[in-house]
C-alpha atoms as a PDB file:
ATOM      1  CA  MET A   1    -116.644  42.319  21.168  1.00  0.00           C
ATOM      2  CA  ASP A   2    -115.522  42.930  24.724  1.00  0.00           C
ATOM      3  CA  LYS A   3    -117.142  40.290  26.927  1.00  0.00           C
ATOM      4  CA  GLU A   4    -116.802  42.580  29.923  1.00  0.00           C
ATOM      5  CA  THR A   5    -118.988  45.315  28.438  1.00  0.00           C
ATOM      6  CA  TYR A   6    -121.750  43.350  26.663  1.00  0.00           C
ATOM      7  CA  SER A   7    -125.107  44.869  27.523  1.00  0.00           C
ATOM      8  CA  PHE A   8    -127.896  42.302  27.477  1.00  0.00           C
ATOM      9  CA  MET A   9    -130.609  43.248  25.033  1.00  0.00           C
ATOM     10  CA  CYS A  10    -134.238  43.783  25.952  1.00  0.00           C
ATOM     11  CA  PRO A  11    -137.083  43.307  23.483  1.00  0.00           C
ATOM     12  CA  SER A  12    -138.025  46.606  21.870  1.00  0.00           C
ATOM     13  CA  GLY A  13    -141.122  47.649  19.951  1.00  0.00           C
ATOM     14  CA  ILE A  14    -143.247  45.405  22.212  1.00  0.00           C
ATOM     15  CA  ALA A  15    -146.005  46.591  24.538  1.00  0.00           C
ATOM     16  CA  SER A  16    -146.799  43.136  25.954  1.00  0.00           C
ATOM     17  CA  PHE A  17    -146.181  39.407  25.564  1.00  0.00           C
ATOM     18  CA  SER A  18    -148.518  36.500  26.230  1.00  0.00           C
ATOM     19  CA  PHE A  19    -146.615  33.387  27.367  1.00  0.00           C
ATOM     20  CA  ARG A  20    -147.404  29.903  28.582  1.00  0.00           C
ATOM     21  CA  PHE A  21    -144.730  28.596  30.984  1.00  0.00           C
ATOM     22  CA  SER A  22    -144.528  25.239  32.748  1.00  0.00           C
ATOM     23  CA  ASP A  23    -143.781  25.171  36.478  1.00  0.00           C
ATOM     24  CA  ARG A  24    -140.268  23.942  35.681  1.00  0.00           C
ATOM     25  CA  ALA A  25    -139.701  26.769  33.195  1.00  0.00           C
ATOM     26  CA  MET A  26    -140.885  29.391  35.720  1.00  0.00           C
ATOM     27  CA  GLN A  27    -138.520  27.997  38.364  1.00  0.00           C
ATOM     28  CA  TRP A  28    -135.618  28.131  35.912  1.00  0.00           C
ATOM     29  CA  LEU A  29    -136.470  31.660  34.761  1.00  0.00           C
ATOM     30  CA  CYS A  30    -136.440  32.832  38.391  1.00  0.00           C
ATOM     31  CA  GLY A  31    -132.917  31.460  38.868  1.00  0.00           C
ATOM     32  CA  THR A  32    -129.467  32.550  37.695  1.00  0.00           C
ATOM     33  CA  THR A  33    -126.720  31.251  35.433  1.00  0.00           C
ATOM     34  CA  THR A  34    -123.019  31.762  36.146  1.00  0.00           C
ATOM     35  CA  ASP A  35    -120.680  32.783  33.320  1.00  0.00           C
ATOM     36  CA  ASP A  36    -117.049  31.719  32.874  1.00  0.00           C
ATOM     37  CA  ASN A  37    -115.863  34.502  35.221  1.00  0.00           C
ATOM     38  CA  GLY A  38    -118.210  33.473  38.020  1.00  0.00           C
ATOM     39  CA  ARG A  39    -120.667  36.348  37.467  1.00  0.00           C
ATOM     40  CA  GLU A  40    -124.329  35.437  37.898  1.00  0.00           C
ATOM     41  CA  THR A  41    -126.940  36.607  35.416  1.00  0.00           C
ATOM     42  CA  SER A  42    -130.684  36.299  35.847  1.00  0.00           C
ATOM     43  CA  ASN A  43    -132.167  33.620  33.602  1.00  0.00           C
ATOM     44  CA  PHE A  44    -134.976  36.079  32.769  1.00  0.00           C
ATOM     45  CA  THR A  45    -132.234  38.384  31.434  1.00  0.00           C
ATOM     46  CA  LEU A  46    -130.808  35.610  29.235  1.00  0.00           C
ATOM     47  CA  PHE A  47    -134.276  34.691  27.956  1.00  0.00           C
ATOM     48  CA  GLY A  48    -135.046  38.381  27.309  1.00  0.00           C
ATOM     49  CA  ASP A  49    -131.802  38.669  25.355  1.00  0.00           C
ATOM     50  CA  LEU A  50    -132.926  35.785  23.131  1.00  0.00           C
ATOM     51  CA  LEU A  51    -136.398  37.334  22.713  1.00  0.00           C
ATOM     52  CA  ALA A  52    -134.798  40.633  21.678  1.00  0.00           C
ATOM     53  CA  ARG A  53    -133.333  38.797  18.667  1.00  0.00           C
ATOM     54  CA  MET A  54    -136.806  37.704  17.506  1.00  0.00           C
ATOM     55  CA  ALA A  55    -138.215  39.103  14.265  1.00  0.00           C
ATOM     56  CA  LEU A  56    -141.446  41.012  14.878  1.00  0.00           C
ATOM     57  CA  THR A  57    -142.337  40.940  11.186  1.00  0.00           C
ATOM     58  CA  ASP A  58    -141.321  38.776   8.244  1.00  0.00           C
ATOM     59  CA  GLY A  59    -137.967  39.769   6.777  1.00  0.00           C
ATOM     60  CA  ALA A  60    -134.232  39.158   6.636  1.00  0.00           C
ATOM     61  CA  ALA A  61    -132.247  38.712   9.828  1.00  0.00           C
ATOM     62  CA  LYS A  62    -129.778  41.470  10.631  1.00  0.00           C
ATOM     63  CA  GLY A  63    -126.145  41.252  11.705  1.00  0.00           C
ATOM     64  CA  PHE A  64    -125.198  37.927  10.114  1.00  0.00           C
ATOM     65  CA  HIS A  65    -122.823  37.015   7.306  1.00  0.00           C
ATOM     66  CA  ARG A  66    -125.549  34.805   5.805  1.00  0.00           C
ATOM     67  CA  PRO A  67    -128.852  36.320   6.938  1.00  0.00           C
ATOM     68  CA  LEU A  68    -131.949  34.144   6.581  1.00  0.00           C
ATOM     69  CA  MET A  69    -135.470  35.190   5.722  1.00  0.00           C
ATOM     70  CA  LEU A  70    -137.358  34.893   9.010  1.00  0.00           C
ATOM     71  CA  SER A  71    -141.032  34.754   9.849  1.00  0.00           C
ATOM     72  CA  ALA A  72    -142.356  36.866  12.692  1.00  0.00           C
ATOM     73  CA  GLY A  73    -141.548  34.924  15.866  1.00  0.00           C
ATOM     74  CA  GLN A  74    -138.242  33.478  14.643  1.00  0.00           C
ATOM     75  CA  ALA A  75    -134.691  34.517  15.512  1.00  0.00           C
ATOM     76  CA  GLN A  76    -131.444  33.705  13.766  1.00  0.00           C
ATOM     77  CA  TYR A  77    -128.663  32.989  16.238  1.00  0.00           C
ATOM     78  CA  SER A  78    -125.081  31.820  16.468  1.00  0.00           C
ATOM     79  CA  GLU A  79    -123.717  29.711  19.329  1.00  0.00           C
ATOM     80  CA  GLU A  80    -120.369  31.406  18.783  1.00  0.00           C
ATOM     81  CA  GLN A  81    -121.948  34.862  19.085  1.00  0.00           C
ATOM     82  CA  LEU A  82    -123.881  33.891  22.242  1.00  0.00           C
ATOM     83  CA  SER A  83    -120.716  32.358  23.677  1.00  0.00           C
ATOM     84  CA  SER A  84    -118.810  35.593  23.158  1.00  0.00           C
ATOM     85  CA  GLN A  85    -121.589  37.901  24.353  1.00  0.00           C
ATOM     86  CA  TRP A  86    -122.575  35.843  27.400  1.00  0.00           C
ATOM     87  CA  ASN A  87    -118.987  34.882  28.293  1.00  0.00           C
ATOM     88  CA  MET A  88    -119.684  31.145  28.293  1.00  0.00           C
ATOM     89  CA  GLY A  89    -118.081  28.327  26.342  1.00  0.00           C
ATOM     90  CA  ARG A  90    -119.887  26.990  23.278  1.00  0.00           C
ATOM     91  CA  LYS A  91    -120.550  23.650  24.954  1.00  0.00           C
ATOM     92  CA  ARG A  92    -122.188  25.457  27.858  1.00  0.00           C
ATOM     93  CA  ILE A  93    -124.270  27.544  25.417  1.00  0.00           C
ATOM     94  CA  ARG A  94    -125.337  24.379  23.582  1.00  0.00           C
ATOM     95  CA  ASN A  95    -126.332  22.761  26.917  1.00  0.00           C
ATOM     96  CA  LEU A  96    -128.206  25.905  27.971  1.00  0.00           C
ATOM     97  CA  LEU A  97    -130.121  25.974  24.668  1.00  0.00           C
ATOM     98  CA  ALA A  98    -130.918  22.258  25.102  1.00  0.00           C
ATOM     99  CA  THR A  99    -132.290  22.969  28.588  1.00  0.00           C
ATOM    100  CA  LEU A 100    -134.457  25.797  27.231  1.00  0.00           C
ATOM    101  CA  THR A 101    -135.712  23.440  24.524  1.00  0.00           C
ATOM    102  CA  ASP A 102    -136.507  20.679  27.038  1.00  0.00           C
ATOM    103  CA  MET A 103    -138.584  23.162  29.060  1.00  0.00           C
ATOM    104  CA  GLY A 104    -140.503  24.329  25.971  1.00  0.00           C
ATOM    105  CA  LEU A 105    -139.166  27.887  26.074  1.00  0.00           C
ATOM    106  CA  ILE A 106    -137.428  27.686  22.701  1.00  0.00           C
ATOM    107  CA  ASP A 107    -137.082  25.341  19.761  1.00  0.00           C
ATOM    108  CA  THR A 108    -133.994  25.361  17.578  1.00  0.00           C
ATOM    109  CA  CYS A 109    -133.137  24.238  14.081  1.00  0.00           C
ATOM    110  CA  ARG A 110    -129.395  24.167  13.406  1.00  0.00           C
ATOM    111  CA  SER A 111    -127.737  23.803  10.012  1.00  0.00           C
ATOM    112  CA  ARG A 112    -124.377  24.464   8.411  1.00  0.00           C
ATOM    113  CA  VAL A 113    -125.702  27.702   6.948  1.00  0.00           C
ATOM    114  CA  ALA A 114    -127.512  29.198   9.953  1.00  0.00           C
ATOM    115  CA  SER A 115    -129.421  28.418  13.113  1.00  0.00           C
ATOM    116  CA  VAL A 116    -132.987  29.526  13.771  1.00  0.00           C
ATOM    117  CA  MET A 117    -134.823  29.712  17.077  1.00  0.00           C
ATOM    118  CA  THR A 118    -138.554  29.848  17.724  1.00  0.00           C
ATOM    119  CA  PHE A 119    -140.408  30.470  20.983  1.00  0.00           C
ATOM    120  CA  PRO A 120    -143.177  27.867  21.460  1.00  0.00           C
ATOM    121  CA  CYS A 121    -144.002  29.347  24.897  1.00  0.00           C
ATOM    122  CA  LEU A 122    -144.873  32.688  23.255  1.00  0.00           C
ATOM    123  CA  LEU A 123    -148.527  32.756  22.266  1.00  0.00           C
ATOM    124  CA  GLN A 124    -148.756  36.338  20.983  1.00  0.00           C
ATOM    125  CA  TRP A 125    -147.371  39.826  21.426  1.00  0.00           C
ATOM    126  CA  GLU A 126    -148.670  43.340  21.133  1.00  0.00           C
ATOM    127  CA  THR A 127    -146.485  45.868  19.368  1.00  0.00           C
ATOM    128  CA  SER A 128    -146.019  49.402  20.623  1.00  0.00           C
ATOM    129  CA  LYS A 129    -148.390  50.387  17.755  1.00  0.00           C
ATOM    130  CA  ASN A 130    -151.186  48.284  19.367  1.00  0.00           C
ATOM    131  CA  ASP A 131    -150.974  45.488  16.770  1.00  0.00           C
ATOM    132  CA  ASN A 132    -151.728  42.032  18.234  1.00  0.00           C
ATOM    133  CA  ILE A 133    -149.664  39.334  16.525  1.00  0.00           C
ATOM    134  CA  ASP A 134    -150.242  35.622  17.063  1.00  0.00           C
ATOM    135  CA  ASN A 135    -147.095  33.520  17.087  1.00  0.00           C
ATOM    136  CA  SER A 136    -147.626  31.865  13.705  1.00  0.00           C
ATOM    137  CA  VAL A 137    -144.448  29.762  13.805  1.00  0.00           C
ATOM    138  CA  ILE A 138    -145.822  27.408  16.468  1.00  0.00           C
ATOM    139  CA  PRO A 139    -148.520  24.887  15.538  1.00  0.00           C
ATOM    140  CA  HIS A 140    -152.091  26.038  16.222  1.00  0.00           C
ATOM    141  CA  LYS A 141    -152.836  22.956  18.351  1.00  0.00           C
ATOM    142  CA  GLN A 142    -149.875  23.727  20.641  1.00  0.00           C
ATOM    143  CA  ARG A 143    -151.157  27.272  21.253  1.00  0.00           C
ATOM    144  CA  GLU A 144    -154.499  25.933  22.495  1.00  0.00           C
ATOM    145  CA  GLU A 145    -153.142  23.410  25.016  1.00  0.00           C
END
């Protein structure tokens, strides 16, 4: 993959999202992150790229050597893949993911086999076919807070 030509992904098949963001998360999302070449990228763009990886329905992840079965609202990811696509070192990617976790935007579960991300800030989404889907991978109590 050519780091110079990576086109950030946008969620597709979605008509609308319903989120709950903290003040800190909103401030971060409105900022930018600099890659290894000094280019700034909107944090909303980075977050949207992660959301675009999310499964909208239950099924196997796509594009991985060892794809996992995902529930709607989960995304399989690779720090190495993000590092290459976003032109940032793996340590920087790991720190960025930790920051997103601290702010409640994502939650990650890493293993030797694969890594899975969920979006606890995402309450529900509406598909382009007018289906409303509650984010079932976050605890019900957390959605009501």
